[in-house]
Amino acid sequence: MVTVRLRAYRRSAGTNLAGAMKIPEHLGGHRSLSNRPVSPSANMRDDYLREAQKIIEDPYILVNVISTRVKGLRRGARPLVESLEKLELEDIALREVIEGRITYSLDRT
């Protein structure tokens, strides 16, 4: 199991804690995850997002947990879930949250 440690910041009006990554509309944002064209796995990601939001209800925390885990996967961390299909790193991180392989803790500052 991996625990992602997040630093808690005070949110002011209009602050997007997700940084460059936008919050999806169905999670409370106004844009898609990226400005890339919609890929064939976009429907799968929507399903994974809905399932992951049942685990981590705050969309800001969810996006930060996923982006932190994707950075780790890009740097060579091994996935904690197995899949017969080729998944994007974001989908792998979402599945890890859904299956309970990733948790998070907030460090209050």
Foldseek 3Di string as FASTA:
>chain_A
DAAAEAEDDDDDPPDQLLPPAFQDVVLPTDDHRDPDPDDPCNVVVVVLVVLLCVQVVNSSVVSVQLVVQLVVVVVPDDQPDDDPDDDDSSSSSSVCSNVVVYHYDYDYD
